[in-house]
């Protein structure tokens, strides 16, 4: 099909070339040979009367025109895709589709686990793909590579619709055999202990890590890990301490020999939000997904799942949660 002399099939190739900035990678994405992809680029150059991608050393860079085309071309393709895919009605029990979600292991554990359980009961034809392997989730969302992201509000794009899910506080965890830490902590004691922390590169630093640095606290970090759920493994059997999300800590305390202690520093609450591409705003299936996530967040799944875990865990493997009040 042609529009204003442009073969609209070339828009898909143009999007791949502008995104990948590489004929080799674009050819893989398009499932074409490199020579065929080069031929497509030649046709695009002829139509736009512009080089679009210019070799500089071993790399290709976008011309000013190509930069200006990147977002509009992607928007056109997303609009076409959503127009074709969106059904006027959505029946969860009979629907078949996949939701691609970006979420950390924290959000996956306290929120998406319950989502998966509900989907298996109410919408067996629905599948979810959860990813946390990129440092640029906002860009993935805008390119349509994921349909929804669950992140702290500070990491979200300003150009896409957003809804708050829940507020999270922080707590400290130590091994149950840690004799250096009692029922409370002073700031001095907190700073003297070895710490376990999560780090995800420069663009997605964990909230507690960035807050402490910005507040002038220089902890002695003995172990850094790239996920949240592995933190207890580096605390157990040691005198180390970790500061982590309260919901997640409560859940993990059902399975690991750890104690929860109020932190001696007042951490601000963390606002967890979901964000989706604007082209999905009125998609009935996406509205259903977002409504379900809001219901799960409001129900405090960590508390519910912790109770279930304590009821079903083998004898001797459950460690009761402390009744102390957690500081924000």
Protein backbone atom coordinates (compact mmCIF):
# COMPACT_ATOMS: atom_id res chain seq x y z
CA UNK A 1 0.00 0.00 0.00
CA UNK A 2 1.26 3.46 -0.89
CA UNK A 3 0.52 6.82 0.65
CA UNK A 4 1.86 9.95 -1.03
CA UNK A 5 4.23 7.72 -3.09
CA UNK A 6 5.60 6.02 0.05
CA UNK A 7 5.26 2.27 0.42
CA UNK A 8 3.87 2.07 3.96
CA UNK A 9 5.64 -1.27 4.49
CA UNK A 10 8.86 0.75 4.51
CA UNK A 11 7.78 2.49 7.74
CA UNK A 12 8.43 -0.71 9.69
CA UNK A 13 11.94 -0.90 8.24
CA UNK A 14 12.50 2.80 8.86
CA UNK A 15 11.52 2.38 12.50
CA UNK A 16 13.94 -0.52 12.91
CA UNK A 17 16.79 1.39 11.26
CA UNK A 18 16.19 4.54 13.33
CA UNK A 19 15.96 2.55 16.56
CA UNK A 20 18.89 0.19 16.00
CA UNK A 21 21.19 2.62 14.12
CA UNK A 22 22.70 -0.48 12.54
CA UNK A 23 21.93 -2.32 9.31
CA UNK A 24 23.03 -5.60 10.89
CA UNK A 25 20.77 -5.30 13.95
CA UNK A 26 17.89 -3.90 11.91
CA UNK A 27 18.12 -6.81 9.47
CA UNK A 28 17.84 -9.28 12.36
CA UNK A 29 14.83 -7.43 13.72
CA UNK A 30 13.18 -7.35 10.29
CA UNK A 31 14.16 -10.94 9.48
CA UNK A 32 15.83 -9.76 6.27
CA UNK A 33 19.30 -10.20 4.85
CA UNK A 34 21.75 -7.32 5.30
CA UNK A 35 21.76 -6.70 1.54
CA UNK A 36 17.95 -6.51 1.50
CA UNK A 37 17.98 -4.12 4.45
CA UNK A 38 20.59 -1.97 2.68
CA UNK A 39 18.29 -1.91 -0.34
CA UNK A 40 15.39 -0.74 1.83
CA UNK A 41 17.57 2.02 3.28
CA UNK A 42 18.47 3.13 -0.26
CA UNK A 43 14.75 3.39 -1.13
CA UNK A 44 14.08 5.40 2.03
CA UNK A 45 16.98 7.73 1.26
CA UNK A 46 15.59 8.27 -2.22
CA UNK A 47 12.11 9.06 -0.93
CA UNK A 48 13.19 11.46 1.82
CA UNK A 49 16.07 12.95 -0.22
CA UNK A 50 18.24 12.52 2.86
CA UNK A 51 20.96 10.08 3.96
CA UNK A 52 19.04 9.32 7.19
CA UNK A 53 21.95 7.26 8.62
CA UNK A 54 25.51 8.44 8.08
CA UNK A 55 28.62 6.32 8.77
CA UNK A 56 30.98 7.84 11.34
CA UNK A 57 33.86 5.48 12.01
CA UNK A 58 32.30 2.08 12.62
CA UNK A 59 28.95 3.51 13.69
CA UNK A 60 25.92 4.99 11.96
CA UNK A 61 24.47 8.23 13.29
CA UNK A 62 21.11 9.78 12.50
CA UNK A 63 20.85 12.91 10.38
CA UNK A 64 18.77 15.78 11.80
CA UNK A 65 15.85 14.70 9.59
CA UNK A 66 16.12 11.12 10.84
CA UNK A 67 16.08 12.33 14.45
CA UNK A 68 12.92 14.33 13.75
CA UNK A 69 11.28 11.27 12.17
CA UNK A 70 12.04 8.82 14.99
CA UNK A 71 9.16 9.57 17.34
CA UNK A 72 6.46 10.31 14.71
CA UNK A 73 7.22 7.09 12.80
CA UNK A 74 7.04 5.05 15.98
CA UNK A 75 3.78 6.75 16.97
CA UNK A 76 2.22 5.99 13.58
CA UNK A 77 3.14 2.30 13.85
CA UNK A 78 1.87 2.06 17.41
CA UNK A 79 -1.38 3.74 16.45
CA UNK A 80 -1.88 1.29 13.58
CA UNK A 81 -1.04 -1.67 15.81
CA UNK A 82 -3.40 -0.60 18.59
CA UNK A 83 -6.20 0.17 16.10
CA UNK A 84 -5.95 -3.34 14.68
CA UNK A 85 -5.55 -5.11 18.04
CA UNK A 86 -8.11 -3.28 20.18
CA UNK A 87 -11.42 -5.10 20.38
CA UNK A 88 -14.63 -3.21 21.25
CA UNK A 89 -15.28 -5.60 24.13
CA UNK A 90 -13.04 -7.65 26.41
CA UNK A 91 -14.12 -10.95 27.98
CA UNK A 92 -11.33 -12.13 30.31
CA UNK A 93 -12.55 -15.74 30.44
CA UNK A 94 -12.19 -16.22 26.67
CA UNK A 95 -9.59 -13.60 25.72
CA UNK A 96 -6.17 -14.57 24.38
CA UNK A 97 -3.31 -12.07 24.47
CA UNK A 98 0.01 -11.31 26.15
CA UNK A 99 0.88 -8.37 28.39
CA UNK A 100 4.53 -7.29 28.41
CA UNK A 101 5.41 -5.69 31.76
CA UNK A 102 8.63 -4.12 33.04
CA UNK A 103 9.01 -4.61 36.80
CA UNK A 104 11.76 -5.23 39.33
CA UNK A 105 11.82 -8.43 41.35
CA UNK A 106 10.39 -6.37 44.25
CA UNK A 107 7.28 -5.40 42.28
CA UNK A 108 7.06 -8.89 40.77
CA UNK A 109 7.10 -10.51 44.21
CA UNK A 110 4.69 -8.25 46.11
CA UNK A 111 2.33 -7.44 43.23
CA UNK A 112 2.67 -9.50 40.07
CA UNK A 113 2.68 -12.89 41.77
CA UNK A 114 -0.90 -12.23 42.87
CA UNK A 115 -1.71 -10.92 39.39
CA UNK A 116 -0.50 -14.20 37.89
CA UNK A 117 -2.67 -16.17 40.31
CA UNK A 118 -5.79 -14.16 39.46
CA UNK A 119 -5.15 -14.42 35.73
CA UNK A 120 -4.86 -18.19 35.97
CA UNK A 121 -8.33 -18.28 37.55
CA UNK A 122 -10.16 -15.53 35.66
CA UNK A 123 -8.39 -15.30 32.29
CA UNK A 124 -6.55 -18.55 31.44
CA UNK A 125 -5.89 -17.42 27.87
CA UNK A 126 -3.92 -14.36 29.06
CA UNK A 127 -0.15 -14.55 29.54
CA UNK A 128 2.28 -12.05 31.02
CA UNK A 129 5.93 -11.51 30.16
CA UNK A 130 7.87 -9.76 32.91
CA UNK A 131 11.19 -8.10 32.13
CA UNK A 132 13.69 -6.16 34.22
CA UNK A 133 16.74 -6.40 32.00
CA UNK A 134 16.97 -2.83 30.71
CA UNK A 135 18.17 0.41 32.25
CA UNK A 136 15.82 2.43 30.00
CA UNK A 137 12.27 1.21 30.74
CA UNK A 138 10.72 4.58 29.84
CA UNK A 139 12.24 4.36 26.36
CA UNK A 140 11.02 0.77 25.99
CA UNK A 141 7.52 1.91 26.91
CA UNK A 142 7.53 4.76 24.41
CA UNK A 143 8.77 2.43 21.66
CA UNK A 144 5.99 -0.03 22.46
CA UNK A 145 8.42 -2.81 23.44
CA UNK A 146 6.64 -3.14 26.80
CA UNK A 147 3.05 -2.17 27.51
CA UNK A 148 3.31 -1.27 31.17
CA UNK A 149 6.07 -0.40 33.63
CA UNK A 150 5.92 -0.52 37.42
CA UNK A 151 8.50 1.81 38.95
CA UNK A 152 9.02 4.53 41.56
CA UNK A 153 7.51 7.78 40.34
CA UNK A 154 10.94 9.45 39.95
CA UNK A 155 11.88 7.06 37.12
CA UNK A 156 8.75 7.52 34.99
CA UNK A 157 8.36 9.39 31.72
CA UNK A 158 6.56 12.73 31.77
CA UNK A 159 4.89 12.06 28.41
CA UNK A 160 2.89 8.91 29.20
CA UNK A 161 -0.18 8.35 31.43
CA UNK A 162 0.52 7.23 34.99
CA UNK A 163 -1.40 5.99 38.03
CA UNK A 164 -0.12 5.49 41.61
CA UNK A 165 -0.27 1.94 42.97
CA UNK A 166 0.92 2.10 46.58
CA UNK A 167 3.29 3.85 48.97
CA UNK A 168 6.15 1.83 50.41
CA UNK A 169 8.18 2.30 53.57
CA UNK A 170 11.57 0.86 54.51
CA UNK A 171 12.76 -1.50 57.20
CA UNK A 172 16.06 -3.09 58.20
CA UNK A 173 16.70 -6.81 58.29
CA UNK A 174 19.34 -8.79 60.18
CA UNK A 175 19.95 -12.49 60.68
CA UNK A 176 18.09 -13.97 63.66
CA UNK A 177 21.46 -15.09 65.02
CA UNK A 178 22.93 -11.57 64.91
CA UNK A 179 23.96 -10.79 68.51
CA UNK A 180 25.19 -7.27 67.76
CA UNK A 181 21.73 -5.89 66.99
CA UNK A 182 18.89 -5.85 69.48
CA UNK A 183 15.33 -4.64 69.05
CA UNK A 184 16.38 -1.15 67.97
CA UNK A 185 19.23 0.61 66.18
CA UNK A 186 21.05 3.90 66.66
CA UNK A 187 22.38 5.82 63.68
CA UNK A 188 25.97 5.17 64.83
CA UNK A 189 25.38 1.44 65.08
CA UNK A 190 23.64 1.43 61.72
CA UNK A 191 26.61 3.14 60.09
CA UNK A 192 29.19 0.87 61.73
CA UNK A 193 27.63 -2.37 60.50
CA UNK A 194 28.45 -3.92 57.13
CA UNK A 195 25.59 -3.40 54.66
CA UNK A 196 24.01 -5.34 51.82
CA UNK A 197 22.53 -3.19 49.07
CA UNK A 198 21.03 -3.45 45.59
CA UNK A 199 22.44 -1.53 42.67
CA UNK A 200 21.20 -1.44 39.09
CA UNK A 201 23.65 0.79 37.26
CA UNK A 202 23.60 4.57 37.05
CA UNK A 203 20.04 5.19 35.84
CA UNK A 204 18.13 2.87 38.18
CA UNK A 205 19.90 3.15 41.52
CA UNK A 206 17.82 1.75 44.38
CA UNK A 207 15.83 4.37 46.26
CA UNK A 208 17.40 3.72 49.66
CA UNK A 209 20.88 3.92 48.14
CA UNK A 210 20.26 7.24 46.40
CA UNK A 211 18.50 8.73 49.45
CA UNK A 212 21.33 7.86 51.83
CA UNK A 213 23.95 9.25 49.45
CA UNK A 214 21.99 12.45 48.93
CA UNK A 215 21.61 12.78 52.71
CA UNK A 216 25.36 12.50 53.27
CA UNK A 217 25.45 9.00 54.77
CA UNK A 218 28.45 6.93 53.69
CA UNK A 219 27.68 3.31 54.55
CA UNK A 220 30.15 0.45 54.49
CA UNK A 221 28.63 -1.72 51.77
CA UNK A 222 30.11 -5.20 51.90
CA UNK A 223 27.82 -6.83 49.30
CA UNK A 224 26.04 -5.35 46.29
CA UNK A 225 23.48 -7.39 44.37
CA UNK A 226 21.43 -6.66 41.26
CA UNK A 227 18.10 -7.73 42.73
CA UNK A 228 16.14 -7.28 45.95
CA UNK A 229 15.01 -10.81 46.74
CA UNK A 230 18.56 -12.17 47.09
CA UNK A 231 19.43 -9.71 49.88
CA UNK A 232 18.64 -12.07 52.81
CA UNK A 233 21.15 -14.62 51.46
CA UNK A 234 23.96 -12.16 52.17
CA UNK A 235 22.65 -11.27 55.63
CA UNK A 236 22.03 -14.77 56.99
CA UNK A 237 24.94 -16.18 58.98
CA UNK A 238 26.62 -12.76 59.29
CA UNK A 239 26.38 -9.55 61.32
CA UNK A 240 25.48 -7.56 58.21
CA UNK A 241 22.37 -5.42 57.88
CA UNK A 242 20.23 -4.48 54.90
CA UNK A 243 17.61 -1.79 54.34
CA UNK A 244 14.79 -2.87 52.09
CA UNK A 245 11.13 -2.46 51.18
CA UNK A 246 8.86 -3.28 54.11
CA UNK A 247 6.35 -5.31 52.07
CA UNK A 248 9.09 -7.46 50.61
CA UNK A 249 10.90 -7.85 53.95
CA UNK A 250 7.69 -9.07 55.59
CA UNK A 251 7.22 -11.67 52.88
CA UNK A 252 10.82 -12.88 52.98
CA UNK A 253 10.69 -13.18 56.77
CA UNK A 254 8.22 -16.03 56.23
CA UNK A 255 10.93 -18.06 54.51
CA UNK A 256 14.26 -16.88 55.91
CA UNK A 257 15.72 -16.58 59.44
CA UNK A 258 15.70 -12.78 59.49
CA UNK A 259 14.41 -10.14 61.94
CA UNK A 260 12.80 -6.85 60.96
CA UNK A 261 13.93 -3.70 62.79
CA UNK A 262 12.82 -0.11 62.37
CA UNK A 263 15.57 1.93 60.67
CA UNK A 264 17.18 4.71 62.72
CA UNK A 265 16.92 7.09 59.76
CA UNK A 266 13.55 8.43 58.56
CA UNK A 267 13.34 7.31 54.96
CA UNK A 268 10.71 9.12 52.87
CA UNK A 269 7.94 6.95 51.52
CA UNK A 270 8.45 5.50 48.07
CA UNK A 271 5.57 6.01 45.63
CA UNK A 272 5.23 3.02 43.31
CA UNK A 273 3.33 3.72 40.10
CA UNK A 274 2.31 2.05 36.90
CA UNK A 275 2.70 3.73 33.53
CA UNK A 276 1.48 2.70 30.10
CA UNK A 277 1.75 3.90 26.53
CA UNK A 278 -0.84 6.55 25.70
CA UNK A 279 -2.06 4.48 22.74
CA UNK A 280 -3.29 1.87 25.23
CA UNK A 281 -5.22 4.36 27.34
CA UNK A 282 -8.66 3.18 26.17
CA UNK A 283 -7.79 -0.42 25.31
CA UNK A 284 -10.46 -2.52 27.15
CA UNK A 285 -8.00 -5.32 27.93
CA UNK A 286 -5.46 -2.85 29.29
CA UNK A 287 -8.13 -1.11 31.37
CA UNK A 288 -8.94 -4.52 32.85
CA UNK A 289 -5.26 -5.17 33.63
CA UNK A 290 -4.76 -1.79 35.31
CA UNK A 291 -7.95 -2.16 37.35
CA UNK A 292 -6.77 -5.55 38.61
CA UNK A 293 -3.35 -4.16 39.57
CA UNK A 294 -4.99 -1.34 41.52
CA UNK A 295 -7.18 -3.85 43.37
CA UNK A 296 -4.17 -6.00 44.26
CA UNK A 297 -2.16 -3.00 45.45
CA UNK A 298 -5.06 -1.77 47.60
CA UNK A 299 -5.39 -5.21 49.19
CA UNK A 300 -1.76 -5.13 50.44
CA UNK A 301 -0.78 -8.45 48.81
CA UNK A 302 2.39 -8.76 50.87
CA UNK A 303 0.35 -9.15 54.05
CA UNK A 304 -2.08 -11.62 52.47
CA UNK A 305 0.64 -13.71 50.85
CA UNK A 306 2.72 -13.70 54.03
CA UNK A 307 -0.22 -15.15 55.94
CA UNK A 308 -0.68 -17.84 53.29
CA UNK A 309 3.02 -18.68 53.34
CA UNK A 310 3.05 -19.02 57.13
CA UNK A 311 0.05 -21.35 56.97
CA UNK A 312 1.57 -23.63 54.31
CA UNK A 313 5.32 -23.57 55.01
CA UNK A 314 6.87 -26.75 56.50
CA UNK A 315 7.33 -26.77 60.27
CA UNK A 316 10.48 -25.02 61.42
CA UNK A 317 10.85 -22.89 58.29
CA UNK A 318 8.59 -20.00 59.25
CA UNK A 319 9.94 -17.05 61.21
CA UNK A 320 7.20 -14.87 62.78
CA UNK A 321 7.13 -11.20 61.91
CA UNK A 322 7.81 -8.70 64.68
CA UNK A 323 4.85 -6.70 65.91
CA UNK A 324 6.79 -3.49 66.17
CA UNK A 325 5.71 -0.45 64.20
CA UNK A 326 7.82 0.29 61.15
CA UNK A 327 9.16 3.78 60.58
CA UNK A 328 8.50 5.54 57.29
